[in-house]
Amino acid sequence: MKTIVMVPTYNEASNIKLMIDEILNCGADADVLIVDDMSTDGTYKIVEEISKTNNKVHLFLRREKKGRGYAGKDGFLKALDMGADYIIEMDGDVSHSPKYIPGFLKTIENCDVVIGSRYVNGGKDEDRSIVRQVVSNFSRRYLSFVLGVKIQDPTSGYRMFKRAALAKFAAELTASDPFIITEVLYKIKKNNLKVKEYPIMFLARFSGKSKLRPGTLITYLFKVLKLKLTGK
C-alpha cells in the first residue's frame, strides 16, 4: 500500500528540509510530494536537490494559477496519479508533526478520512494567544452549525484520505485559497464519508511568517455561508 504525504508550499525554505526529514523518519513508509508555487525564497530548489538523491521525495512545481487552493487540488490529483492508496495533506511550516502519521495509518483502517484534531481528548494547541483561541473556537462552532458537520476540529488542515474517498471529489475542488480546507470538509459531508479524529498537538511554526491575515476571517465566514447555499 502506497502512502504519499502531500505538502503545498510557498516560501518555506527555512522549514522544508526539517519537514521532509521528519516525514521520512516518522516510522511510516511514505513518499513526500512537495507542491510548490515557484517560491521566491528558493524552497523548490532545496526540494529539487533532495529529490536527486532520494527517490521518495518528489517535487511538483506549479507555474500557473498560483494559490493554496489550486496547489492543494493539483497536489491531490498528482498523488492519485502517482498511485497513492493513502494521501496525507499537511502544512509545510512544521506546525503539523509527522510523528502522528503511523497513528493515522492505523486509524484509517476503520474509516475514510482521518483528521488531526486539537480538540479531542489528547489533542492540544500550542502557544495560542487568547484572541487566537477565541477566533478558533468561534470558527469551528460556526462551521459545525452552518455545514452540519459533527467534527471537533473542522479547521484542521492535517488530514489523511483513502484513495477511493479522495477520488470522489478531488477533481471538483474550486477554491483558490486556504478555503479549500472547508471546501474539502463540505465534500466529505456531501459524500457521506466516514471520519475519525486523531489527537494531535498543533505546534507554533518553526520559522518564517504566517500567511494568514486578520481580515481573512470576515471573507471566510461569508464563503462558508455561500458554500452551504450554492455548493460552490
Protein backbone atom coordinates (compact mmCIF):
# COMPACT_ATOMS: atom_id res chain seq x y z
CA MET A 1 0.00 0.00 0.00
CA LYS A 2 1.47 3.33 -1.08
CA THR A 3 1.28 6.37 1.18
CA ILE A 4 2.04 9.87 -0.11
CA VAL A 5 2.37 12.93 2.10
CA MET A 6 1.35 15.95 0.03
CA VAL A 7 2.67 19.32 1.25
CA PRO A 8 1.70 22.58 -0.53
CA THR A 9 4.46 25.16 -0.03
CA TYR A 10 5.27 28.77 -0.70
CA ASN A 11 8.37 30.41 0.78
CA GLU A 12 9.16 27.72 3.35
CA ALA A 13 12.90 27.49 2.69
CA SER A 14 13.73 27.72 6.39
CA ASN A 15 11.39 24.83 7.26
CA ILE A 16 11.24 22.48 4.31
CA LYS A 17 14.33 20.33 4.90
CA LEU A 18 13.35 19.69 8.51
CA MET A 19 9.80 18.82 7.43
CA ILE A 20 10.98 16.35 4.80
CA ASP A 21 13.43 14.73 7.21
CA GLU A 22 10.73 14.31 9.84
CA ILE A 23 8.31 12.73 7.35
CA LEU A 24 10.91 10.27 6.08
CA ASN A 25 11.84 9.29 9.64
CA CYS A 26 8.39 9.19 11.23
CA GLY A 27 8.15 5.41 11.22
CA ALA A 28 5.84 5.12 8.21
CA ASP A 29 6.92 4.09 4.73
CA ALA A 30 5.74 7.24 2.98
CA ASP A 31 6.75 9.25 -0.06
CA VAL A 32 6.85 13.04 0.12
CA LEU A 33 5.23 15.18 -2.58
CA ILE A 34 6.08 18.88 -2.30
CA VAL A 35 3.73 21.07 -4.35
CA ASP A 36 5.44 24.44 -4.71
CA ASP A 37 4.20 27.64 -6.34
CA MET A 38 7.59 28.86 -7.56
CA SER A 39 8.66 30.10 -4.12
CA THR A 40 10.74 33.27 -4.36
CA ASP A 41 12.92 32.15 -1.43
CA GLY A 42 14.13 29.03 -3.24
CA THR A 43 12.05 26.42 -1.40
CA TYR A 44 11.63 24.35 -4.54
CA LYS A 45 15.37 24.43 -5.24
CA ILE A 46 16.04 22.80 -1.87
CA VAL A 47 13.45 20.11 -2.59
CA GLU A 48 14.87 19.57 -6.07
CA GLU A 49 18.33 18.91 -4.64
CA ILE A 50 16.98 16.47 -2.06
CA SER A 51 14.98 14.60 -4.71
CA LYS A 52 18.14 13.99 -6.73
CA THR A 53 19.49 11.67 -4.04
CA ASN A 54 16.26 10.35 -2.52
CA ASN A 55 13.66 8.70 -4.74
CA LYS A 56 10.98 9.03 -2.05
CA VAL A 57 10.97 12.82 -2.36
CA HIS A 58 9.10 14.36 -5.30
CA LEU A 59 8.71 17.96 -6.47
CA PHE A 60 5.64 19.22 -8.31
CA LEU A 61 6.46 22.76 -9.44
CA ARG A 62 3.44 24.88 -10.33
CA ARG A 63 3.88 27.90 -12.60
CA GLU A 64 0.28 28.92 -13.30
CA LYS A 65 -2.87 29.69 -11.24
CA LYS A 66 -0.92 30.10 -8.04
CA GLY A 67 -2.71 29.83 -4.70
CA ARG A 68 -3.10 27.48 -1.75
CA GLY A 69 -6.37 26.08 -3.03
CA TYR A 70 -5.14 25.39 -6.54
CA ALA A 71 -1.95 23.84 -5.14
CA GLY A 72 -3.98 21.58 -2.87
CA LYS A 73 -6.21 20.38 -5.69
CA ASP A 74 -3.29 19.78 -8.05
CA GLY A 75 -1.41 18.01 -5.28
CA PHE A 76 -4.34 15.69 -4.57
CA LEU A 77 -4.70 14.82 -8.25
CA LYS A 78 -0.94 14.30 -8.62
CA ALA A 79 -0.85 11.96 -5.62
CA LEU A 80 -3.72 9.94 -7.07
CA ASP A 81 -1.94 9.84 -10.44
CA MET A 82 1.18 8.54 -8.67
CA GLY A 83 -0.83 5.58 -7.42
CA ALA A 84 -1.28 6.54 -3.78
CA ASP A 85 -3.54 4.33 -1.68
CA TYR A 86 -3.42 6.81 1.19
CA ILE A 87 -2.93 10.55 0.80
CA ILE A 88 -1.95 12.82 3.67
CA GLU A 89 -2.21 16.60 3.46
CA MET A 90 -0.20 18.74 5.87
CA ASP A 91 1.35 22.19 6.20
CA GLY A 92 4.99 22.85 5.35
CA ASP A 93 5.79 25.05 8.35
CA VAL A 94 6.33 22.16 10.82
CA SER A 95 3.12 23.04 12.72
CA HIS A 96 1.87 19.55 11.82
CA SER A 97 4.20 16.94 13.25
CA PRO A 98 4.76 13.87 11.03
CA LYS A 99 5.08 11.72 14.17
CA TYR A 100 1.30 11.20 14.05
CA ILE A 101 1.34 9.57 10.60
CA PRO A 102 1.71 5.97 11.89
CA GLY A 103 -1.31 6.57 14.13
CA PHE A 104 -3.26 8.00 11.19
CA LEU A 105 -2.49 4.87 9.18
CA LYS A 106 -3.88 2.60 11.90
CA THR A 107 -6.97 4.76 12.41
CA ILE A 108 -7.89 4.96 8.73
CA GLU A 109 -8.36 1.20 8.57
CA ASN A 110 -11.84 1.80 10.00
CA CYS A 111 -12.87 4.99 8.21
CA ASP A 112 -12.48 7.02 5.01
CA VAL A 113 -10.84 10.16 6.36
CA VAL A 114 -8.69 10.91 9.41
CA ILE A 115 -8.48 14.47 10.73
CA GLY A 116 -5.68 15.56 13.04
CA SER A 117 -7.59 17.24 15.86
CA ARG A 118 -6.58 19.70 18.57
CA TYR A 119 -9.94 19.45 20.30
CA VAL A 120 -10.44 15.78 21.06
CA ASN A 121 -9.09 14.07 24.16
CA GLY A 122 -5.28 14.13 23.97
CA GLY A 123 -5.11 16.99 21.45
CA LYS A 124 -3.61 20.41 22.16
CA ASP A 125 -2.97 23.78 20.54
CA GLU A 126 0.47 25.09 21.45
CA ASP A 127 1.14 28.72 22.38
CA ARG A 128 -2.11 30.27 21.16
CA SER A 129 -3.00 33.76 22.35
CA ILE A 130 -6.40 34.35 23.94
CA VAL A 131 -7.54 36.19 20.80
CA ARG A 132 -6.49 33.32 18.53
CA GLN A 133 -8.26 30.85 20.81
CA VAL A 134 -11.48 32.87 20.71
CA VAL A 135 -11.34 33.17 16.91
CA SER A 136 -10.60 29.46 16.53
CA ASN A 137 -13.43 28.40 18.84
CA PHE A 138 -15.91 30.68 17.08
CA SER A 139 -14.82 29.45 13.65
CA ARG A 140 -15.21 25.78 14.45
CA ARG A 141 -18.63 26.28 16.02
CA TYR A 142 -19.73 28.38 13.06
CA LEU A 143 -18.58 25.70 10.63
CA SER A 144 -20.28 22.93 12.56
CA PHE A 145 -23.56 24.90 12.64
CA VAL A 146 -23.62 26.10 9.03
CA LEU A 147 -22.31 22.95 7.34
CA GLY A 148 -23.81 20.49 9.79
CA VAL A 149 -20.57 18.63 10.42
CA LYS A 150 -20.02 16.84 13.72
CA ILE A 151 -16.27 17.35 13.89
CA GLN A 152 -14.40 18.92 16.80
CA ASP A 153 -11.64 20.46 14.65
CA PRO A 154 -13.16 21.37 11.26
CA THR A 155 -10.43 23.95 10.52
CA SER A 156 -7.59 21.43 10.76
CA GLY A 157 -5.60 21.08 7.55
CA TYR A 158 -3.85 17.90 8.70
CA ARG A 159 -5.79 15.07 7.09
CA MET A 160 -5.47 11.59 5.63
CA PHE A 161 -7.69 10.16 2.90
CA LYS A 162 -8.23 6.73 1.45
CA ARG A 163 -7.75 6.79 -2.30
CA ALA A 164 -11.38 5.93 -3.10
CA ALA A 165 -12.64 8.69 -0.77
CA LEU A 166 -10.44 11.46 -2.18
CA ALA A 167 -11.13 10.39 -5.77
CA LYS A 168 -14.84 11.11 -5.23
CA PHE A 169 -14.29 14.88 -5.12
CA ALA A 170 -10.68 15.96 -5.76
CA ALA A 171 -11.34 16.99 -9.37
CA GLU A 172 -14.38 19.08 -8.29
CA LEU A 173 -12.49 21.42 -5.93
CA THR A 174 -12.56 25.09 -6.97
CA ALA A 175 -11.14 27.18 -4.09
CA SER A 176 -8.07 29.21 -4.99
CA ASP A 177 -7.03 29.98 -1.41
CA PRO A 178 -6.90 28.29 2.03
CA PHE A 179 -10.70 27.99 1.91
CA ILE A 180 -10.00 24.64 0.26
CA ILE A 181 -9.80 23.24 3.81
CA THR A 182 -13.51 23.98 4.30
CA GLU A 183 -14.46 23.01 0.75
CA VAL A 184 -12.95 19.57 1.32
CA LEU A 185 -14.92 19.26 4.56
CA TYR A 186 -18.10 20.12 2.64
CA LYS A 187 -17.30 17.42 0.08
CA ILE A 188 -16.63 14.90 2.84
CA LYS A 189 -20.06 15.62 4.31
CA LYS A 190 -21.78 15.59 0.91
CA ASN A 191 -20.30 12.19 0.03
CA ASN A 192 -21.22 10.69 3.42
CA LEU A 193 -17.63 9.69 4.12
CA LYS A 194 -16.79 8.20 7.50
CA VAL A 195 -14.48 10.47 9.51
CA LYS A 196 -12.43 9.86 12.63
CA GLU A 197 -10.43 12.45 14.53
CA TYR A 198 -6.95 11.69 15.85
CA PRO A 199 -5.45 13.79 18.67
CA ILE A 200 -2.51 16.00 17.72
CA MET A 201 -0.62 18.91 19.18
CA PHE A 202 -0.69 21.87 16.82
CA LEU A 203 2.77 23.45 17.06
CA ALA A 204 3.87 27.05 16.66
CA ARG A 205 5.50 27.38 13.24
CA PHE A 206 9.23 26.66 13.38
CA SER A 207 10.33 29.61 11.28
CA GLY A 208 9.03 32.32 8.93
CA LYS A 209 5.75 34.24 8.99
CA SER A 210 2.18 33.01 8.86
CA LYS A 211 0.40 33.80 5.59
CA LEU A 212 -2.99 34.26 7.26
CA ARG A 213 -4.24 37.79 7.82
CA PRO A 214 -6.91 39.07 10.31
CA GLY A 215 -9.17 40.36 7.53
CA THR A 216 -9.35 36.86 6.09
CA LEU A 217 -11.84 35.79 8.76
CA ILE A 218 -14.72 38.01 7.57
CA THR A 219 -14.33 36.84 3.97
CA TYR A 220 -14.10 33.26 5.23
CA LEU A 221 -17.41 33.45 7.12
CA PHE A 222 -19.26 34.65 4.03
CA LYS A 223 -17.65 31.94 1.90
CA VAL A 224 -18.86 29.23 4.29
CA LEU A 225 -22.45 30.51 4.02
CA LYS A 226 -22.20 30.71 0.22
CA LEU A 227 -20.83 27.16 0.08
CA LYS A 228 -23.77 25.91 2.13
CA LEU A 229 -26.32 27.72 -0.05
CA THR A 230 -24.84 27.15 -3.51
CA GLY A 231 -22.41 24.24 -3.16
CA LYS A 232 -19.66 26.44 -4.62
